[in-house]
Amino acid sequence: MMPPNTSADNVDKDAKAAEERGPGFRAKAKRTAAFGLLPAIVLLLACGIAGLKWWEGANRAAEAASTESVKAATESTIALLSYQPDTVDKELVGARDRLTGAFRDSYTSLTNDVVIPGAKQKQVSAVATVPAAAAVSTTASHAVVLVMVNQTTVVGTDSPTQTASSIKVTLDKIDGQWLISDFSPI
């Protein structure tokens, strides 16, 4: 005795079903696949590729912003904290161009009222270096960078004194340039 459902029975049933559907059924199925399924697959692939391109561009922009802001924080910190008694006005006034907002105003007031007159009167010179700096957070237009600073200061003919400090530098990108909006020792 044979089981009621054999592969021969299934083949016969499939053949009968195909005959009942008519001779154009296979052609219709192929057209449906070609004009319906294929474009859907192409559309999904295109969306996937576009998504990957966008993600790659966003990552590149974030990396560029991080690199640029760390470089700007490093260079600006050195400019803000380095000066010679004979050229202190020129150096610190030039450093103001790297600042923005309320920090620019307070830095201008401090340098005009205290630093420039004191550097000239007491023959103070300062040289800052940045051995390390790293981005804490970065967007396309705002960054926070941690800067490690070594500063050597000489007053008159005294021996040099060295200090090391850490500074949280906040920057805003304005007209394509990273400017310091806050400068907080940690």
N, C-alpha and C. Protein backbone atom coordinates (compact mmCIF):
# COMPACT_ATOMS: atom_id res chain seq x y z
N MET A 1 0.81 -1.17 0.00
CA MET A 1 0.00 0.00 0.00
C MET A 1 0.87 1.25 0.00
N MET A 2 0.53 2.22 -0.85
CA MET A 2 1.29 3.47 -0.98
C MET A 2 0.66 4.54 -0.11
N PRO A 3 1.51 5.37 0.43
CA PRO A 3 0.95 6.49 1.21
C PRO A 3 0.14 7.39 0.27
N PRO A 4 -0.88 8.04 0.81
CA PRO A 4 -1.76 8.83 -0.03
C PRO A 4 -1.09 10.05 -0.66
N ASN A 5 -0.07 10.62 -0.06
CA ASN A 5 0.57 11.83 -0.60
C ASN A 5 1.99 11.50 -1.03
N THR A 6 2.19 11.27 -2.29
CA THR A 6 3.52 10.99 -2.79
C THR A 6 3.99 12.14 -3.63
N SER A 7 5.26 12.13 -3.96
CA SER A 7 5.78 13.21 -4.78
C SER A 7 5.18 13.18 -6.18
N ALA A 8 4.83 12.02 -6.68
CA ALA A 8 4.19 11.93 -7.99
C ALA A 8 2.83 12.61 -7.96
N ASP A 9 2.11 12.42 -6.84
CA ASP A 9 0.81 13.07 -6.71
C ASP A 9 0.96 14.59 -6.69
N ASN A 10 1.98 15.08 -5.97
CA ASN A 10 2.21 16.53 -5.88
C ASN A 10 2.55 17.11 -7.25
N VAL A 11 3.36 16.40 -8.03
CA VAL A 11 3.73 16.87 -9.36
C VAL A 11 2.49 16.94 -10.24
N ASP A 12 1.67 15.91 -10.15
CA ASP A 12 0.43 15.90 -10.95
C ASP A 12 -0.47 17.06 -10.55
N LYS A 13 -0.60 17.30 -9.25
CA LYS A 13 -1.45 18.39 -8.78
C LYS A 13 -0.92 19.74 -9.27
N ASP A 14 0.42 19.94 -9.19
CA ASP A 14 1.03 21.20 -9.65
C ASP A 14 0.81 21.39 -11.14
N ALA A 15 0.94 20.31 -11.91
CA ALA A 15 0.73 20.39 -13.36
C ALA A 15 -0.71 20.74 -13.67
N LYS A 16 -1.66 20.10 -12.94
CA LYS A 16 -3.08 20.40 -13.15
C LYS A 16 -3.38 21.85 -12.81
N ALA A 17 -2.80 22.34 -11.70
CA ALA A 17 -3.04 23.72 -11.28
C ALA A 17 -2.50 24.69 -12.31
N ALA A 18 -1.34 24.38 -12.89
CA ALA A 18 -0.76 25.24 -13.92
C ALA A 18 -1.63 25.26 -15.16
N GLU A 19 -2.19 24.08 -15.53
CA GLU A 19 -3.07 24.03 -16.70
C GLU A 19 -4.32 24.85 -16.47
N GLU A 20 -4.88 24.77 -15.25
CA GLU A 20 -6.10 25.52 -14.93
C GLU A 20 -5.85 27.02 -14.97
N ARG A 21 -4.66 27.44 -14.60
CA ARG A 21 -4.33 28.87 -14.60
C ARG A 21 -4.15 29.39 -16.02
N GLY A 22 -3.83 28.58 -16.90
CA GLY A 22 -3.68 28.98 -18.29
C GLY A 22 -2.23 29.08 -18.68
N PRO A 23 -1.96 29.13 -20.00
CA PRO A 23 -0.58 29.12 -20.48
C PRO A 23 0.18 30.41 -20.19
N GLY A 24 -0.51 31.49 -19.97
CA GLY A 24 0.18 32.76 -19.75
C GLY A 24 0.55 33.02 -18.30
N PHE A 25 0.21 32.07 -17.41
CA PHE A 25 0.48 32.29 -15.99
C PHE A 25 1.96 32.49 -15.70
N ARG A 26 2.80 31.63 -16.27
CA ARG A 26 4.25 31.75 -16.03
C ARG A 26 4.78 33.07 -16.57
N ALA A 27 4.32 33.48 -17.70
CA ALA A 27 4.76 34.76 -18.27
C ALA A 27 4.34 35.92 -17.37
N LYS A 28 3.11 35.84 -16.84
CA LYS A 28 2.63 36.90 -15.93
C LYS A 28 3.46 36.93 -14.65
N ALA A 29 3.79 35.75 -14.14
CA ALA A 29 4.60 35.67 -12.91
C ALA A 29 5.98 36.27 -13.14
N LYS A 30 6.56 36.00 -14.31
CA LYS A 30 7.87 36.56 -14.62
C LYS A 30 7.80 38.08 -14.76
N ARG A 31 6.73 38.57 -15.41
CA ARG A 31 6.56 40.02 -15.54
C ARG A 31 6.38 40.68 -14.18
N THR A 32 5.61 40.04 -13.33
CA THR A 32 5.38 40.58 -11.99
C THR A 32 6.70 40.66 -11.23
N ALA A 33 7.50 39.62 -11.34
CA ALA A 33 8.80 39.63 -10.67
C ALA A 33 9.71 40.70 -11.27
N ALA A 34 9.70 40.81 -12.58
CA ALA A 34 10.60 41.76 -13.25
C ALA A 34 10.18 43.20 -12.99
N PHE A 35 8.87 43.47 -13.01
CA PHE A 35 8.41 44.86 -12.88
C PHE A 35 7.98 45.25 -11.47
N GLY A 36 7.87 44.30 -10.58
CA GLY A 36 7.46 44.61 -9.21
C GLY A 36 8.53 44.33 -8.19
N LEU A 37 9.02 43.13 -8.20
CA LEU A 37 10.00 42.72 -7.20
C LEU A 37 11.38 43.30 -7.46
N LEU A 38 11.82 43.27 -8.68
CA LEU A 38 13.15 43.78 -9.03
C LEU A 38 13.31 45.27 -8.70
N PRO A 39 12.37 46.13 -9.07
CA PRO A 39 12.51 47.55 -8.69
C PRO A 39 12.51 47.75 -7.17
N ALA A 40 11.73 46.94 -6.47
CA ALA A 40 11.71 47.05 -5.01
C ALA A 40 13.08 46.71 -4.43
N ILE A 41 13.71 45.68 -4.95
CA ILE A 41 15.04 45.29 -4.48
C ILE A 41 16.06 46.39 -4.81
N VAL A 42 15.98 46.94 -6.02
CA VAL A 42 16.89 48.01 -6.42
C VAL A 42 16.69 49.24 -5.52
N LEU A 43 15.43 49.56 -5.23
CA LEU A 43 15.13 50.70 -4.36
C LEU A 43 15.71 50.48 -2.96
N LEU A 44 15.54 49.28 -2.42
CA LEU A 44 16.10 48.98 -1.10
C LEU A 44 17.62 49.09 -1.10
N LEU A 45 18.26 48.58 -2.13
CA LEU A 45 19.72 48.68 -2.23
C LEU A 45 20.16 50.15 -2.33
N ALA A 46 19.45 50.93 -3.13
CA ALA A 46 19.80 52.35 -3.27
C ALA A 46 19.64 53.08 -1.94
N CYS A 47 18.57 52.78 -1.21
CA CYS A 47 18.37 53.41 0.11
C CYS A 47 19.47 53.00 1.08
N GLY A 48 19.86 51.74 1.04
CA GLY A 48 20.94 51.26 1.90
C GLY A 48 22.25 51.96 1.59
N ILE A 49 22.56 52.09 0.31
CA ILE A 49 23.80 52.75 -0.11
C ILE A 49 23.77 54.22 0.29
N ALA A 50 22.63 54.88 0.08
CA ALA A 50 22.51 56.29 0.46
C ALA A 50 22.68 56.46 1.96
N GLY A 51 22.10 55.55 2.74
CA GLY A 51 22.24 55.62 4.19
C GLY A 51 23.69 55.45 4.62
N LEU A 52 24.40 54.53 4.00
CA LEU A 52 25.81 54.33 4.32
C LEU A 52 26.64 55.55 3.94
N LYS A 53 26.34 56.15 2.79
CA LYS A 53 27.07 57.36 2.37
C LYS A 53 26.83 58.50 3.36
N TRP A 54 25.57 58.67 3.79
CA TRP A 54 25.25 59.73 4.74
C TRP A 54 25.99 59.48 6.05
N TRP A 55 25.97 58.25 6.54
CA TRP A 55 26.63 57.91 7.78
C TRP A 55 28.13 58.16 7.68
N GLU A 56 28.72 57.78 6.54
CA GLU A 56 30.15 58.00 6.33
C GLU A 56 30.47 59.50 6.30
N GLY A 57 29.64 60.29 5.63
CA GLY A 57 29.85 61.74 5.58
C GLY A 57 29.71 62.37 6.95
N ALA A 58 28.73 61.92 7.73
CA ALA A 58 28.54 62.46 9.08
C ALA A 58 29.75 62.12 9.95
N ASN A 59 30.26 60.91 9.83
CA ASN A 59 31.44 60.54 10.62
C ASN A 59 32.66 61.35 10.21
N ARG A 60 32.82 61.56 8.90
CA ARG A 60 33.95 62.37 8.44
C ARG A 60 33.84 63.80 8.95
N ALA A 61 32.64 64.37 8.93
CA ALA A 61 32.44 65.73 9.41
C ALA A 61 32.73 65.83 10.91
N ALA A 62 32.31 64.84 11.67
CA ALA A 62 32.57 64.84 13.11
C ALA A 62 34.07 64.72 13.39
N GLU A 63 34.75 63.86 12.64
CA GLU A 63 36.20 63.71 12.82
C GLU A 63 36.93 65.00 12.45
N ALA A 64 36.49 65.64 11.37
CA ALA A 64 37.12 66.90 10.95
C ALA A 64 36.89 67.98 12.00
N ALA A 65 35.69 68.08 12.53
CA ALA A 65 35.39 69.07 13.56
C ALA A 65 36.23 68.82 14.81
N SER A 66 36.38 67.57 15.17
CA SER A 66 37.20 67.23 16.34
C SER A 66 38.66 67.63 16.12
N THR A 67 39.21 67.27 14.98
CA THR A 67 40.61 67.59 14.66
C THR A 67 40.82 69.09 14.60
N GLU A 68 39.93 69.79 13.91
CA GLU A 68 40.05 71.25 13.77
C GLU A 68 39.94 71.96 15.11
N SER A 69 38.98 71.53 15.94
CA SER A 69 38.78 72.21 17.23
C SER A 69 39.95 71.98 18.18
N VAL A 70 40.52 70.78 18.18
CA VAL A 70 41.69 70.50 19.03
C VAL A 70 42.87 71.35 18.57
N LYS A 71 43.06 71.46 17.27
CA LYS A 71 44.16 72.28 16.74
C LYS A 71 43.95 73.75 17.12
N ALA A 72 42.72 74.24 16.94
CA ALA A 72 42.43 75.64 17.28
C ALA A 72 42.61 75.90 18.77
N ALA A 73 42.15 74.97 19.61
CA ALA A 73 42.30 75.14 21.06
C ALA A 73 43.77 75.17 21.45
N THR A 74 44.57 74.30 20.85
CA THR A 74 46.01 74.25 21.14
C THR A 74 46.70 75.54 20.74
N GLU A 75 46.50 75.95 19.50
CA GLU A 75 47.16 77.17 19.00
C GLU A 75 46.69 78.41 19.75
N SER A 76 45.40 78.49 20.02
CA SER A 76 44.86 79.67 20.70
C SER A 76 45.32 79.74 22.16
N THR A 77 45.40 78.60 22.82
CA THR A 77 45.89 78.58 24.21
C THR A 77 47.32 79.09 24.28
N ILE A 78 48.14 78.64 23.36
CA ILE A 78 49.54 79.12 23.32
C ILE A 78 49.57 80.63 23.08
N ALA A 79 48.74 81.11 22.16
CA ALA A 79 48.71 82.55 21.86
C ALA A 79 48.22 83.37 23.05
N LEU A 80 47.24 82.86 23.78
CA LEU A 80 46.68 83.59 24.93
C LEU A 80 47.65 83.69 26.10
N LEU A 81 48.51 82.68 26.25
CA LEU A 81 49.35 82.59 27.44
C LEU A 81 50.83 82.86 27.19
N SER A 82 51.20 83.27 25.99
CA SER A 82 52.61 83.53 25.66
C SER A 82 52.80 84.99 25.26
N TYR A 83 53.82 85.62 25.85
CA TYR A 83 54.11 87.02 25.50
C TYR A 83 55.49 87.41 26.01
N GLN A 84 56.00 88.46 25.42
CA GLN A 84 57.29 89.05 25.82
C GLN A 84 57.01 90.49 26.25
N PRO A 85 57.79 91.05 27.19
CA PRO A 85 57.49 92.40 27.68
C PRO A 85 57.52 93.47 26.60
N ASP A 86 58.40 93.32 25.61
CA ASP A 86 58.51 94.36 24.57
C ASP A 86 57.38 94.31 23.55
N THR A 87 56.74 93.15 23.40
CA THR A 87 55.71 92.99 22.37
C THR A 87 54.38 92.51 22.93
N VAL A 88 54.21 92.62 24.25
CA VAL A 88 53.02 92.10 24.91
C VAL A 88 51.74 92.69 24.34
N ASP A 89 51.74 94.02 24.03
CA ASP A 89 50.51 94.63 23.49
C ASP A 89 50.10 93.93 22.19
N LYS A 90 51.04 93.85 21.28
CA LYS A 90 50.77 93.27 19.96
C LYS A 90 50.35 91.80 20.08
N GLU A 91 51.04 91.03 20.90
CA GLU A 91 50.76 89.60 21.02
C GLU A 91 49.38 89.33 21.63
N LEU A 92 49.07 90.02 22.72
CA LEU A 92 47.80 89.75 23.39
C LEU A 92 46.62 90.38 22.66
N VAL A 93 46.83 91.51 22.01
CA VAL A 93 45.75 92.09 21.19
C VAL A 93 45.48 91.17 20.00
N GLY A 94 46.52 90.60 19.43
CA GLY A 94 46.35 89.64 18.33
C GLY A 94 45.64 88.38 18.78
N ALA A 95 45.89 87.98 20.02
CA ALA A 95 45.24 86.77 20.55
C ALA A 95 43.74 86.96 20.71
N ARG A 96 43.29 88.20 20.88
CA ARG A 96 41.85 88.48 21.03
C ARG A 96 41.05 88.06 19.81
N ASP A 97 41.69 88.06 18.65
CA ASP A 97 41.00 87.65 17.43
C ASP A 97 40.60 86.18 17.46
N ARG A 98 41.11 85.43 18.41
CA ARG A 98 40.79 84.00 18.54
C ARG A 98 39.66 83.76 19.53
N LEU A 99 39.05 84.84 20.03
CA LEU A 99 38.04 84.75 21.08
C LEU A 99 36.70 85.29 20.60
N THR A 100 35.64 84.95 21.35
CA THR A 100 34.31 85.44 21.01
C THR A 100 33.48 85.64 22.29
N GLY A 101 32.44 86.42 22.17
CA GLY A 101 31.46 86.60 23.25
C GLY A 101 31.99 87.26 24.50
N ALA A 102 31.39 86.87 25.62
CA ALA A 102 31.74 87.46 26.92
C ALA A 102 33.18 87.15 27.31
N PHE A 103 33.69 85.99 26.88
CA PHE A 103 35.08 85.67 27.22
C PHE A 103 36.03 86.66 26.55
N ARG A 104 35.74 87.05 25.33
CA ARG A 104 36.58 88.05 24.64
C ARG A 104 36.60 89.36 25.44
N ASP A 105 35.44 89.76 25.91
CA ASP A 105 35.34 91.01 26.68
C ASP A 105 36.13 90.93 27.99
N SER A 106 35.99 89.83 28.72
CA SER A 106 36.71 89.71 30.00
C SER A 106 38.21 89.57 29.78
N TYR A 107 38.63 88.86 28.72
CA TYR A 107 40.05 88.73 28.41
C TYR A 107 40.64 90.10 28.05
N THR A 108 39.90 90.87 27.26
CA THR A 108 40.36 92.21 26.87
C THR A 108 40.54 93.09 28.10
N SER A 109 39.58 93.04 28.99
CA SER A 109 39.66 93.84 30.21
C SER A 109 40.85 93.41 31.07
N LEU A 110 41.04 92.12 31.26
CA LEU A 110 42.14 91.60 32.08
C LEU A 110 43.49 91.96 31.46
N THR A 111 43.64 91.78 30.18
CA THR A 111 44.94 92.06 29.56
C THR A 111 45.24 93.56 29.55
N ASN A 112 44.24 94.38 29.27
CA ASN A 112 44.47 95.84 29.25
C ASN A 112 44.74 96.41 30.64
N ASP A 113 44.03 95.92 31.64
CA ASP A 113 44.14 96.48 32.99
C ASP A 113 45.27 95.87 33.83
N VAL A 114 45.61 94.59 33.59
CA VAL A 114 46.55 93.91 34.48
C VAL A 114 47.78 93.37 33.74
N VAL A 115 47.56 92.51 32.77
CA VAL A 115 48.67 91.76 32.17
C VAL A 115 49.64 92.66 31.39
N ILE A 116 49.13 93.48 30.48
CA ILE A 116 50.02 94.31 29.66
C ILE A 116 50.81 95.30 30.51
N PRO A 117 50.14 96.07 31.40
CA PRO A 117 50.94 96.99 32.23
C PRO A 117 51.94 96.26 33.14
N GLY A 118 51.52 95.11 33.72
CA GLY A 118 52.41 94.35 34.61
C GLY A 118 53.60 93.76 33.85
N ALA A 119 53.36 93.25 32.65
CA ALA A 119 54.44 92.67 31.85
C ALA A 119 55.46 93.73 31.47
N LYS A 120 54.99 94.92 31.14
CA LYS A 120 55.91 96.00 30.76
C LYS A 120 56.68 96.51 31.99
N GLN A 121 55.98 96.73 33.07
CA GLN A 121 56.59 97.31 34.28
C GLN A 121 57.59 96.34 34.92
N LYS A 122 57.23 95.07 35.05
CA LYS A 122 58.08 94.11 35.75
C LYS A 122 58.90 93.24 34.81
N GLN A 123 58.82 93.52 33.51
CA GLN A 123 59.55 92.76 32.49
C GLN A 123 59.23 91.25 32.58
N VAL A 124 57.95 90.96 32.49
CA VAL A 124 57.47 89.58 32.57
C VAL A 124 57.37 88.99 31.18
N SER A 125 57.90 87.79 31.04
CA SER A 125 57.71 87.05 29.79
C SER A 125 57.13 85.68 30.14
N ALA A 126 56.31 85.16 29.23
CA ALA A 126 55.69 83.86 29.47
C ALA A 126 55.68 83.08 28.16
N VAL A 127 56.00 81.80 28.27
CA VAL A 127 55.97 80.91 27.11
C VAL A 127 55.15 79.69 27.50
N ALA A 128 54.08 79.47 26.73
CA ALA A 128 53.21 78.32 27.00
C ALA A 128 53.42 77.26 25.92
N THR A 129 53.35 76.01 26.35
CA THR A 129 53.36 74.89 25.42
C THR A 129 52.19 73.98 25.78
N VAL A 130 51.74 73.22 24.80
CA VAL A 130 50.63 72.30 25.01
C VAL A 130 51.13 70.89 24.67
N PRO A 131 51.47 70.10 25.69
CA PRO A 131 51.95 68.75 25.42
C PRO A 131 50.84 67.78 25.03
N ALA A 132 49.59 68.10 25.39
CA ALA A 132 48.48 67.21 25.06
C ALA A 132 47.17 67.98 25.03
N ALA A 133 46.29 67.57 24.13
CA ALA A 133 44.95 68.14 24.05
C ALA A 133 44.04 67.08 23.43
N ALA A 134 42.79 67.07 23.89
CA ALA A 134 41.83 66.09 23.37
C ALA A 134 40.42 66.66 23.41
N ALA A 135 39.64 66.31 22.40
CA ALA A 135 38.25 66.74 22.35
C ALA A 135 37.44 65.96 23.38
N VAL A 136 36.63 66.69 24.12
CA VAL A 136 35.72 66.07 25.08
C VAL A 136 34.38 65.83 24.40
N SER A 137 33.91 66.85 23.69
CA SER A 137 32.68 66.72 22.90
C SER A 137 32.79 67.66 21.71
N THR A 138 32.20 67.24 20.59
CA THR A 138 32.32 68.03 19.37
C THR A 138 31.06 67.89 18.52
N THR A 139 30.59 69.01 18.02
CA THR A 139 29.57 69.02 16.96
C THR A 139 30.16 69.84 15.83
N ALA A 140 29.39 70.05 14.80
CA ALA A 140 29.90 70.82 13.66
C ALA A 140 30.19 72.27 14.01
N SER A 141 29.55 72.81 15.07
CA SER A 141 29.73 74.22 15.39
C SER A 141 30.10 74.51 16.85
N HIS A 142 30.30 73.48 17.65
CA HIS A 142 30.60 73.69 19.07
C HIS A 142 31.52 72.56 19.55
N ALA A 143 32.50 72.91 20.36
CA ALA A 143 33.42 71.88 20.86
C ALA A 143 33.91 72.23 22.25
N VAL A 144 34.21 71.19 23.00
CA VAL A 144 34.85 71.34 24.30
C VAL A 144 36.13 70.50 24.22
N VAL A 145 37.26 71.15 24.53
CA VAL A 145 38.56 70.49 24.40
C VAL A 145 39.30 70.62 25.73
N LEU A 146 39.88 69.53 26.19
CA LEU A 146 40.71 69.56 27.39
C LEU A 146 42.15 69.75 26.94
N VAL A 147 42.79 70.80 27.48
CA VAL A 147 44.15 71.17 27.07
C VAL A 147 45.07 71.12 28.29
N MET A 148 46.17 70.41 28.16
CA MET A 148 47.20 70.38 29.20
C MET A 148 48.24 71.43 28.83
N VAL A 149 48.56 72.32 29.76
CA VAL A 149 49.44 73.44 29.46
C VAL A 149 50.65 73.44 30.40
N ASN A 150 51.80 73.65 29.80
CA ASN A 150 53.02 73.93 30.58
C ASN A 150 53.40 75.37 30.26
N GLN A 151 53.62 76.17 31.32
CA GLN A 151 53.96 77.58 31.10
C GLN A 151 55.22 77.92 31.90
N THR A 152 56.15 78.55 31.19
CA THR A 152 57.38 79.02 31.83
C THR A 152 57.29 80.55 31.88
N THR A 153 57.44 81.09 33.09
CA THR A 153 57.34 82.54 33.28
C THR A 153 58.64 83.05 33.88
N VAL A 154 59.09 84.20 33.35
CA VAL A 154 60.29 84.85 33.87
C VAL A 154 59.90 86.28 34.23
N VAL A 155 60.20 86.69 35.46
CA VAL A 155 59.94 88.05 35.92
C VAL A 155 61.29 88.73 36.09
N GLY A 156 61.53 89.75 35.24
CA GLY A 156 62.80 90.49 35.30
C GLY A 156 63.98 89.57 35.08
N THR A 157 64.87 89.56 36.07
CA THR A 157 66.07 88.72 35.98
C THR A 157 65.98 87.50 36.90
N ASP A 158 64.79 87.25 37.45
CA ASP A 158 64.59 86.09 38.33
C ASP A 158 64.71 84.79 37.54
N SER A 159 64.84 83.72 38.25
CA SER A 159 64.86 82.40 37.62
C SER A 159 63.47 82.07 37.07
N PRO A 160 63.44 81.31 35.99
CA PRO A 160 62.14 80.93 35.42
C PRO A 160 61.34 80.04 36.38
N THR A 161 60.05 80.23 36.37
CA THR A 161 59.15 79.34 37.12
C THR A 161 58.29 78.59 36.11
N GLN A 162 58.04 77.35 36.45
CA GLN A 162 57.23 76.53 35.54
C GLN A 162 55.96 76.08 36.25
N THR A 163 54.88 76.14 35.52
CA THR A 163 53.60 75.67 36.04
C THR A 163 52.96 74.76 35.01
N ALA A 164 52.22 73.81 35.50
CA ALA A 164 51.45 72.92 34.63
C ALA A 164 49.99 73.04 35.04
N SER A 165 49.12 73.08 34.06
CA SER A 165 47.70 73.19 34.37
C SER A 165 46.87 72.51 33.28
N SER A 166 45.62 72.28 33.63
CA SER A 166 44.65 71.72 32.68
C SER A 166 43.56 72.76 32.49
N ILE A 167 43.15 72.93 31.25
CA ILE A 167 42.15 73.94 30.94
C ILE A 167 41.07 73.34 30.06
N LYS A 168 39.82 73.61 30.41
CA LYS A 168 38.69 73.22 29.58
C LYS A 168 38.41 74.40 28.64
N VAL A 169 38.64 74.18 27.37
CA VAL A 169 38.47 75.23 26.37
C VAL A 169 37.19 74.95 25.59
N THR A 170 36.27 75.91 25.62
CA THR A 170 35.02 75.79 24.86
C THR A 170 35.14 76.65 23.62
N LEU A 171 34.82 76.08 22.47
CA LEU A 171 34.95 76.79 21.20
C LEU A 171 33.64 76.78 20.43
N ASP A 172 33.41 77.84 19.67
CA ASP A 172 32.28 77.92 18.76
C ASP A 172 32.82 78.23 17.37
N LYS A 173 32.27 77.57 16.37
CA LYS A 173 32.71 77.81 15.00
C LYS A 173 31.86 78.94 14.43
N ILE A 174 32.53 80.06 14.15
CA ILE A 174 31.85 81.25 13.65
C ILE A 174 32.52 81.66 12.35
N ASP A 175 31.73 81.76 11.30
CA ASP A 175 32.24 82.12 9.97
C ASP A 175 33.43 81.24 9.56
N GLY A 176 33.31 79.95 9.85
CA GLY A 176 34.34 79.00 9.44
C GLY A 176 35.58 78.95 10.32
N GLN A 177 35.59 79.68 11.44
CA GLN A 177 36.76 79.72 12.31
C GLN A 177 36.36 79.32 13.73
N TRP A 178 37.17 78.45 14.34
CA TRP A 178 36.91 78.05 15.73
C TRP A 178 37.43 79.14 16.67
N LEU A 179 36.51 79.72 17.46
CA LEU A 179 36.86 80.79 18.40
C LEU A 179 36.53 80.33 19.83
N ILE A 180 37.38 80.75 20.77
CA ILE A 180 37.19 80.37 22.17
C ILE A 180 36.10 81.23 22.78
N SER A 181 35.11 80.55 23.39
CA SER A 181 34.02 81.26 24.08
C SER A 181 34.11 81.09 25.60
N ASP A 182 34.93 80.14 26.04
CA ASP A 182 35.15 79.97 27.49
C ASP A 182 36.49 79.28 27.69
N PHE A 183 37.17 79.65 28.77
CA PHE A 183 38.53 79.18 29.05
C PHE A 183 38.60 78.97 30.56
N SER A 184 38.35 77.74 31.00
CA SER A 184 38.22 77.48 32.45
C SER A 184 39.30 76.52 32.95
N PRO A 185 40.17 77.01 33.84
CA PRO A 185 41.13 76.09 34.47
C PRO A 185 40.40 75.01 35.26
N ILE A 186 40.96 73.82 35.22
CA ILE A 186 40.32 72.71 35.95
C ILE A 186 41.14 72.40 37.18
